[in-house]
Each structure stands twice: as structure tokens, then as C-alpha cells.
Amino acid sequence: MRYPIMPLWVGDLIIDTQELTATEFGAYHKLIYVQWKKGSIPLSIDRLEIIVPGIKIYWDQLEDSFIACPWNPSRLINKRCHKTKIEVAIKSEKNRRAVWKRDHGSYIGFIIDVPSYISDEVSNALSGD
């Protein structure tokens, strides 16, 4: 499923970015938006430069906001963005299940439209439903 809306929690955003300049803040946002859409960002600084021109100059300030991607070692993720996407996927799936139960009387137990890189975490969270 595509999640067109990415929640931003202001308190977390301030904590995560309070030491950044305006330019660094903009680059940080661009990177987490790309992660939201694609699931991760490139590890290569040259590939990041394509996404955010000039990032080589201030990557040292942003690097600690990202960790190695568990499912693809050539990519990076922001843990908070990843966690938020899982939470959104769980909520979306719970809502979809509730509509299915309302319309069909029972739920047959399948998950659809969840990106493969978060499907296990979503399945585990929903296993009791």
C-alpha cells in the first residue's frame, strides 16, 4: 500500500533536528520523505548527492540520524521514520479488517498492500487480532 500521508510528530522532530541548520533541516526532511516513499535511502554519498544536491558538505551533521538498513546493507533508514511507517501500516490494516468484518461478517486473515520490508512486523503486531 502506498501511504500518501506521513505523520510528523512535532516534539520528536524538534528533538531529532534541534542542532541542524536550516539547510541541514531541509536535507533531513528530503531524505526521510524519500525513505517514506521508497523504504530506505542509499548508503552511497554519491547517490545521496543526486537526491539532495550539496549533501556532501553537511552529511556529517545528518549521518547519525540514519542506521544501516536491516534488509539491505547498501541502504540506510531513519529508525523513527521506519517505526512510524510500521505504525501507519498496522493502523491501516486494522481499519481495512474492520471494514471487511463489517461488510462480510468475518475476516479471513490476509494482509494486503503492506511493503515487504515491514510485512513481518505488521503481521506480528496483528497476530492477536
N, C-alpha and C. Protein backbone atom coordinates (compact mmCIF):
# COMPACT_ATOMS: atom_id res chain seq x y z
N MET A 1 0.84 -1.18 0.00
CA MET A 1 0.00 0.00 0.00
C MET A 1 0.88 1.23 0.00
N ARG A 2 0.45 2.19 -0.69
CA ARG A 2 1.14 3.48 -0.66
C ARG A 2 0.52 4.31 0.46
N TYR A 3 1.37 4.92 1.23
CA TYR A 3 0.91 5.76 2.33
C TYR A 3 1.18 7.21 1.95
N PRO A 4 0.19 7.91 1.41
CA PRO A 4 0.43 9.26 0.91
C PRO A 4 0.63 10.30 2.00
N ILE A 5 0.26 9.96 3.21
CA ILE A 5 0.40 10.91 4.32
C ILE A 5 1.40 10.36 5.31
N MET A 6 2.41 11.16 5.61
CA MET A 6 3.42 10.77 6.58
C MET A 6 3.25 11.63 7.83
N PRO A 7 2.86 11.01 8.94
CA PRO A 7 2.71 11.82 10.16
C PRO A 7 4.07 12.33 10.64
N LEU A 8 4.10 13.57 11.05
CA LEU A 8 5.29 14.15 11.68
C LEU A 8 4.90 14.58 13.09
N TRP A 9 5.59 14.04 14.06
CA TRP A 9 5.33 14.39 15.44
C TRP A 9 6.28 15.53 15.81
N VAL A 10 5.71 16.68 16.09
CA VAL A 10 6.49 17.91 16.28
C VAL A 10 7.54 17.75 17.38
N GLY A 11 7.17 17.18 18.49
CA GLY A 11 8.13 17.01 19.59
C GLY A 11 9.32 16.17 19.17
N ASP A 12 9.06 15.07 18.49
CA ASP A 12 10.15 14.21 18.01
C ASP A 12 10.99 14.92 16.96
N LEU A 13 10.32 15.64 16.09
CA LEU A 13 11.04 16.37 15.03
C LEU A 13 11.99 17.41 15.63
N ILE A 14 11.53 18.12 16.63
CA ILE A 14 12.39 19.13 17.28
C ILE A 14 13.57 18.46 17.96
N ILE A 15 13.32 17.37 18.67
CA ILE A 15 14.41 16.65 19.34
C ILE A 15 15.43 16.15 18.33
N ASP A 16 14.94 15.57 17.23
CA ASP A 16 15.83 14.98 16.22
C ASP A 16 16.62 16.02 15.43
N THR A 17 16.13 17.24 15.35
CA THR A 17 16.74 18.21 14.42
C THR A 17 17.17 19.52 15.08
N GLN A 18 17.12 19.63 16.38
CA GLN A 18 17.38 20.92 17.04
C GLN A 18 18.78 21.47 16.81
N GLU A 19 19.73 20.62 16.50
CA GLU A 19 21.11 21.07 16.27
C GLU A 19 21.41 21.38 14.81
N LEU A 20 20.42 21.21 13.91
CA LEU A 20 20.67 21.37 12.48
C LEU A 20 20.44 22.80 12.02
N THR A 21 21.20 23.20 11.02
CA THR A 21 20.94 24.48 10.37
C THR A 21 19.69 24.33 9.49
N ALA A 22 19.22 25.43 8.96
CA ALA A 22 18.04 25.38 8.09
C ALA A 22 18.31 24.51 6.86
N THR A 23 19.48 24.61 6.28
CA THR A 23 19.83 23.80 5.11
C THR A 23 19.89 22.32 5.47
N GLU A 24 20.50 22.00 6.60
CA GLU A 24 20.57 20.62 7.06
C GLU A 24 19.19 20.07 7.37
N PHE A 25 18.35 20.90 7.96
CA PHE A 25 16.97 20.52 8.27
C PHE A 25 16.22 20.17 6.99
N GLY A 26 16.37 20.97 5.96
CA GLY A 26 15.74 20.69 4.67
C GLY A 26 16.23 19.39 4.06
N ALA A 27 17.52 19.14 4.15
CA ALA A 27 18.09 17.90 3.62
C ALA A 27 17.56 16.69 4.40
N TYR A 28 17.49 16.83 5.71
CA TYR A 28 16.96 15.76 6.57
C TYR A 28 15.53 15.43 6.14
N HIS A 29 14.73 16.45 5.96
CA HIS A 29 13.34 16.23 5.52
C HIS A 29 13.28 15.51 4.18
N LYS A 30 14.06 15.97 3.23
CA LYS A 30 14.05 15.34 1.91
C LYS A 30 14.40 13.87 2.03
N LEU A 31 15.38 13.54 2.85
CA LEU A 31 15.80 12.15 3.00
C LEU A 31 14.73 11.29 3.66
N ILE A 32 14.07 11.81 4.69
CA ILE A 32 13.03 10.98 5.31
C ILE A 32 11.81 10.86 4.40
N TYR A 33 11.54 11.86 3.58
CA TYR A 33 10.44 11.75 2.61
C TYR A 33 10.75 10.68 1.57
N VAL A 34 12.00 10.65 1.11
CA VAL A 34 12.39 9.61 0.16
C VAL A 34 12.30 8.24 0.82
N GLN A 35 12.74 8.15 2.06
CA GLN A 35 12.62 6.88 2.78
C GLN A 35 11.16 6.47 2.90
N TRP A 36 10.29 7.41 3.23
CA TRP A 36 8.86 7.09 3.37
C TRP A 36 8.33 6.48 2.08
N LYS A 37 8.72 7.05 0.96
CA LYS A 37 8.24 6.59 -0.34
C LYS A 37 8.89 5.28 -0.77
N LYS A 38 10.19 5.15 -0.55
CA LYS A 38 10.93 4.01 -1.09
C LYS A 38 11.31 2.95 -0.05
N GLY A 39 11.20 3.26 1.23
CA GLY A 39 11.54 2.30 2.27
C GLY A 39 12.92 2.48 2.86
N SER A 40 13.82 3.12 2.11
CA SER A 40 15.19 3.34 2.59
C SER A 40 15.83 4.38 1.67
N ILE A 41 17.03 4.80 2.05
CA ILE A 41 17.80 5.72 1.22
C ILE A 41 19.15 5.07 0.90
N PRO A 42 19.82 5.53 -0.14
CA PRO A 42 21.12 4.93 -0.49
C PRO A 42 22.17 5.17 0.58
N LEU A 43 23.06 4.22 0.72
CA LEU A 43 24.22 4.37 1.60
C LEU A 43 25.29 5.24 0.96
N SER A 44 25.41 5.15 -0.34
CA SER A 44 26.43 5.87 -1.09
C SER A 44 26.20 7.38 -1.05
N ILE A 45 27.22 8.11 -0.65
CA ILE A 45 27.12 9.57 -0.60
C ILE A 45 26.90 10.13 -2.01
N ASP A 46 27.45 9.48 -3.02
CA ASP A 46 27.23 9.94 -4.40
C ASP A 46 25.77 9.79 -4.80
N ARG A 47 25.12 8.72 -4.37
CA ARG A 47 23.69 8.53 -4.66
C ARG A 47 22.85 9.52 -3.85
N LEU A 48 23.26 9.79 -2.61
CA LEU A 48 22.56 10.78 -1.79
C LEU A 48 22.66 12.17 -2.43
N GLU A 49 23.80 12.44 -3.04
CA GLU A 49 24.03 13.73 -3.70
C GLU A 49 23.01 13.95 -4.83
N ILE A 50 22.57 12.89 -5.48
CA ILE A 50 21.55 13.00 -6.52
C ILE A 50 20.21 13.41 -5.90
N ILE A 51 19.92 12.86 -4.73
CA ILE A 51 18.66 13.16 -4.04
C ILE A 51 18.69 14.57 -3.46
N VAL A 52 19.79 14.89 -2.80
CA VAL A 52 19.94 16.20 -2.15
C VAL A 52 21.27 16.80 -2.61
N PRO A 53 21.24 17.58 -3.67
CA PRO A 53 22.49 18.20 -4.15
C PRO A 53 23.18 19.01 -3.04
N GLY A 54 24.47 18.81 -2.91
CA GLY A 54 25.25 19.53 -1.89
C GLY A 54 25.34 18.81 -0.56
N ILE A 55 24.75 17.64 -0.45
CA ILE A 55 24.71 16.95 0.85
C ILE A 55 26.10 16.56 1.35
N LYS A 56 27.06 16.40 0.46
CA LYS A 56 28.41 16.04 0.89
C LYS A 56 28.97 17.06 1.88
N ILE A 57 28.57 18.30 1.74
CA ILE A 57 29.08 19.37 2.59
C ILE A 57 28.62 19.19 4.04
N TYR A 58 27.41 18.73 4.24
CA TYR A 58 26.88 18.65 5.61
C TYR A 58 26.41 17.27 6.00
N TRP A 59 26.83 16.22 5.30
CA TRP A 59 26.43 14.86 5.64
C TRP A 59 26.88 14.48 7.05
N ASP A 60 28.02 15.00 7.50
CA ASP A 60 28.50 14.68 8.85
C ASP A 60 27.46 15.03 9.92
N GLN A 61 26.69 16.10 9.70
CA GLN A 61 25.66 16.51 10.66
C GLN A 61 24.43 15.60 10.61
N LEU A 62 24.19 14.95 9.48
CA LEU A 62 22.98 14.15 9.29
C LEU A 62 23.20 12.65 9.47
N GLU A 63 24.41 12.22 9.29
CA GLU A 63 24.73 10.79 9.25
C GLU A 63 24.22 10.02 10.46
N ASP A 64 24.32 10.60 11.65
CA ASP A 64 23.89 9.91 12.86
C ASP A 64 22.38 9.72 12.95
N SER A 65 21.62 10.38 12.09
CA SER A 65 20.16 10.22 12.08
C SER A 65 19.73 8.96 11.33
N PHE A 66 20.67 8.27 10.70
CA PHE A 66 20.36 7.10 9.88
C PHE A 66 21.21 5.92 10.31
N ILE A 67 20.65 4.72 10.17
CA ILE A 67 21.36 3.48 10.50
C ILE A 67 21.36 2.57 9.28
N ALA A 68 22.19 1.54 9.35
CA ALA A 68 22.22 0.55 8.27
C ALA A 68 20.85 -0.11 8.15
N CYS A 69 20.42 -0.29 6.95
CA CYS A 69 19.13 -0.91 6.67
C CYS A 69 19.23 -2.41 6.94
N PRO A 70 18.38 -2.97 7.82
CA PRO A 70 18.49 -4.39 8.17
C PRO A 70 18.27 -5.35 7.00
N TRP A 71 17.47 -4.99 6.02
CA TRP A 71 17.16 -5.90 4.92
C TRP A 71 17.96 -5.61 3.66
N ASN A 72 18.76 -4.52 3.67
CA ASN A 72 19.58 -4.20 2.50
C ASN A 72 20.80 -3.40 2.97
N PRO A 73 21.95 -4.06 3.09
CA PRO A 73 23.13 -3.38 3.63
C PRO A 73 23.68 -2.23 2.79
N SER A 74 23.19 -2.07 1.56
CA SER A 74 23.66 -0.96 0.73
C SER A 74 22.75 0.26 0.87
N ARG A 75 21.87 0.23 1.89
CA ARG A 75 20.91 1.32 2.10
C ARG A 75 20.91 1.73 3.57
N LEU A 76 20.27 2.86 3.85
CA LEU A 76 20.14 3.40 5.20
C LEU A 76 18.66 3.63 5.52
N ILE A 77 18.34 3.66 6.83
CA ILE A 77 17.00 4.06 7.26
C ILE A 77 17.11 4.99 8.45
N ASN A 78 16.10 5.80 8.62
CA ASN A 78 15.91 6.58 9.83
C ASN A 78 14.97 5.74 10.70
N LYS A 79 15.41 5.39 11.90
CA LYS A 79 14.62 4.48 12.75
C LYS A 79 13.24 5.03 13.06
N ARG A 80 13.14 6.31 13.35
CA ARG A 80 11.85 6.89 13.71
C ARG A 80 10.88 6.85 12.51
N CYS A 81 11.38 7.15 11.33
CA CYS A 81 10.56 7.10 10.13
C CYS A 81 10.09 5.67 9.86
N HIS A 82 10.99 4.71 10.02
CA HIS A 82 10.65 3.30 9.82
C HIS A 82 9.57 2.85 10.82
N LYS A 83 9.76 3.21 12.07
CA LYS A 83 8.79 2.85 13.11
C LYS A 83 7.42 3.48 12.81
N THR A 84 7.41 4.73 12.38
CA THR A 84 6.16 5.40 12.06
C THR A 84 5.45 4.71 10.89
N LYS A 85 6.22 4.28 9.89
CA LYS A 85 5.60 3.61 8.75
C LYS A 85 4.96 2.29 9.18
N ILE A 86 5.60 1.58 10.08
CA ILE A 86 5.02 0.34 10.61
C ILE A 86 3.72 0.65 11.35
N GLU A 87 3.74 1.69 12.19
CA GLU A 87 2.54 2.07 12.93
C GLU A 87 1.39 2.44 11.99
N VAL A 88 1.69 3.18 10.93
CA VAL A 88 0.67 3.55 9.94
C VAL A 88 0.14 2.31 9.23
N ALA A 89 1.03 1.39 8.87
CA ALA A 89 0.61 0.16 8.19
C ALA A 89 -0.29 -0.68 9.09
N ILE A 90 0.05 -0.76 10.37
CA ILE A 90 -0.78 -1.53 11.32
C ILE A 90 -2.16 -0.89 11.44
N LYS A 91 -2.19 0.42 11.61
CA LYS A 91 -3.48 1.10 11.74
C LYS A 91 -4.31 0.94 10.47
N SER A 92 -3.67 1.07 9.31
CA SER A 92 -4.36 0.92 8.04
C SER A 92 -4.94 -0.49 7.90
N GLU A 93 -4.13 -1.49 8.26
CA GLU A 93 -4.58 -2.88 8.16
C GLU A 93 -5.73 -3.15 9.14
N LYS A 94 -5.64 -2.61 10.35
CA LYS A 94 -6.73 -2.78 11.32
C LYS A 94 -8.02 -2.15 10.79
N ASN A 95 -7.91 -0.98 10.20
CA ASN A 95 -9.09 -0.33 9.62
C ASN A 95 -9.66 -1.15 8.47
N ARG A 96 -8.78 -1.67 7.61
CA ARG A 96 -9.23 -2.49 6.50
C ARG A 96 -9.94 -3.75 7.00
N ARG A 97 -9.39 -4.37 8.04
CA ARG A 97 -10.01 -5.57 8.61
C ARG A 97 -11.39 -5.25 9.20
N ALA A 98 -11.49 -4.12 9.87
CA ALA A 98 -12.77 -3.73 10.47
C ALA A 98 -13.83 -3.53 9.39
N VAL A 99 -13.47 -2.90 8.29
CA VAL A 99 -14.41 -2.71 7.18
C VAL A 99 -14.80 -4.06 6.59
N TRP A 100 -13.81 -4.95 6.42
CA TRP A 100 -14.10 -6.29 5.88
C TRP A 100 -15.09 -7.02 6.79
N LYS A 101 -14.84 -7.00 8.11
CA LYS A 101 -15.73 -7.67 9.06
C LYS A 101 -17.13 -7.06 9.00
N ARG A 102 -17.20 -5.74 8.93
CA ARG A 102 -18.50 -5.07 8.86
C ARG A 102 -19.27 -5.49 7.60
N ASP A 103 -18.58 -5.52 6.48
CA ASP A 103 -19.24 -5.81 5.21
C ASP A 103 -19.46 -7.29 4.94
N HIS A 104 -18.63 -8.16 5.52
CA HIS A 104 -18.69 -9.58 5.18
C HIS A 104 -18.96 -10.49 6.38
N GLY A 105 -18.99 -9.94 7.57
CA GLY A 105 -19.33 -10.73 8.76
C GLY A 105 -18.18 -11.47 9.40
N SER A 106 -17.13 -11.72 8.68
CA SER A 106 -15.97 -12.38 9.27
C SER A 106 -14.72 -11.94 8.52
N TYR A 107 -13.59 -12.25 9.11
CA TYR A 107 -12.32 -11.86 8.50
C TYR A 107 -11.56 -13.13 8.14
N ILE A 108 -11.04 -13.24 6.94
CA ILE A 108 -10.40 -14.48 6.51
C ILE A 108 -8.89 -14.50 6.71
N GLY A 109 -8.31 -13.45 7.24
CA GLY A 109 -6.93 -13.47 7.69
C GLY A 109 -5.81 -13.24 6.70
N PHE A 110 -5.93 -12.31 5.82
CA PHE A 110 -4.84 -11.99 4.92
C PHE A 110 -4.47 -10.52 5.04
N ILE A 111 -3.24 -10.23 4.73
CA ILE A 111 -2.75 -8.85 4.76
C ILE A 111 -2.43 -8.47 3.32
N ILE A 112 -2.91 -7.31 2.91
CA ILE A 112 -2.62 -6.85 1.55
C ILE A 112 -1.92 -5.50 1.59
N ASP A 113 -1.25 -5.20 0.53
CA ASP A 113 -0.70 -3.86 0.31
C ASP A 113 0.25 -3.37 1.40
N VAL A 114 0.97 -4.25 2.05
CA VAL A 114 1.97 -3.83 3.02
C VAL A 114 3.33 -4.08 2.38
N PRO A 115 4.20 -3.07 2.35
CA PRO A 115 5.52 -3.28 1.73
C PRO A 115 6.24 -4.47 2.35
N SER A 116 6.93 -5.23 1.55
CA SER A 116 7.58 -6.47 2.02
C SER A 116 8.56 -6.21 3.16
N TYR A 117 9.21 -5.07 3.16
CA TYR A 117 10.21 -4.80 4.19
C TYR A 117 9.62 -4.55 5.58
N ILE A 118 8.30 -4.39 5.68
CA ILE A 118 7.68 -4.25 7.00
C ILE A 118 6.59 -5.29 7.24
N SER A 119 6.39 -6.21 6.31
CA SER A 119 5.28 -7.16 6.42
C SER A 119 5.39 -8.05 7.66
N ASP A 120 6.59 -8.52 8.01
CA ASP A 120 6.73 -9.37 9.20
C ASP A 120 6.35 -8.61 10.46
N GLU A 121 6.81 -7.37 10.59
CA GLU A 121 6.50 -6.58 11.78
C GLU A 121 5.00 -6.29 11.88
N VAL A 122 4.36 -6.01 10.74
CA VAL A 122 2.92 -5.76 10.73
C VAL A 122 2.18 -7.05 11.07
N SER A 123 2.58 -8.17 10.48
CA SER A 123 1.94 -9.46 10.77
C SER A 123 2.05 -9.80 12.25
N ASN A 124 3.23 -9.62 12.82
CA ASN A 124 3.43 -9.91 14.25
C ASN A 124 2.54 -9.04 15.13
N ALA A 125 2.42 -7.77 14.77
CA ALA A 125 1.60 -6.85 15.56
C ALA A 125 0.13 -7.20 15.48
N LEU A 126 -0.27 -7.78 14.35
CA LEU A 126 -1.70 -8.09 14.14
C LEU A 126 -2.05 -9.54 14.46
N SER A 127 -1.10 -10.33 14.91
CA SER A 127 -1.34 -11.76 15.10
C SER A 127 -2.43 -12.05 16.13
N GLY A 128 -2.67 -11.14 17.06
CA GLY A 128 -3.71 -11.36 18.06
C GLY A 128 -5.08 -10.91 17.63
N ASP A 129 -5.19 -10.21 16.50
CA ASP A 129 -6.49 -9.69 16.03
C ASP A 129 -7.30 -10.76 15.35
